[in-house]
Amino acid sequence: MTNSAIFKSSVGKKALMGVTGLFLITFLVIHCSINAMIFLNDGGETFKKWGSFMGTNPIIRTMEIVLVAGFLVHIVDGLLLWKQNRDARPVKYAMNSANANSTWYSRSMGLLGTLLLIFLVIHTAHFWIPNRMQQGLTHWHNEIDLYGKMLEVFQNPVIVAIYIFGCVSLFWHLLHGFKSAFQSLGLNHTKYNSAIGWAGTAFSIVVPAIFALMPVSIYLGWIK
């Protein structure tokens, strides 16, 4: 089977989904760690320091291109898998109980992924795009005050609610996606499946919770 045929197959698509999924999970760890520095409540000094490093370091900037490509591949591959699965089961049999065979969130990865895509567009419109536009206009010499921007954006309760909803969607998406990524790559084994499941559940709770706590803390005045 040629490489092209492999990636056109269901197995190939799932493997690609697993690789890009684990790559994006790594990004979430880094992104969450840096953003969590606002909880130091030092006026954003530590957050600004590391945020500026991530935004101006040439190596990180190059990796940013890879990151965007990873997001696009993950999204497109996910949509193709969703369509493929839907086309494979055009008729839902009345006697078949979906709940008995899988969880609702595992069956709703397409929907959850779409919600996350909408949230991602909103998030980048608030922070990433304005910052890159500012850098482009000043030949990469100046950035916007991301910390100050966070304090401004999260004064709006509607936006805070949207971010919380996005984090809830992320939780459900990760709850299935973390373990599924290992399975898709054949990295699951009876000896450590329980450990992967535990790590996936913990990751799915902790990371979205930290992301959600940031806008809530700013809106309630805990972070200034």
Foldseek 3Di string as FASTA:
>chain_A
DDPVVLCVDLLNLLLLLLVLLVVVLVVLVVVLVLLLVLLVLPLCPSSVVVVLCCQQPPVNVVVVVVNVVSLVSNLVSVVVSLVVVCVVPVDDDPPDDVVVPDPPLVNCLNVLSVLLVVVVVVVCVQAVVQQVVVCVVVVNPDGDPRVVSLLVQLLDVVVLVSLLVSLVSQLSNQLPSQLSSCVSNVNDDPVCSVVSNVVSNVSSPPSSVSSSVSSVCSNVVVRD
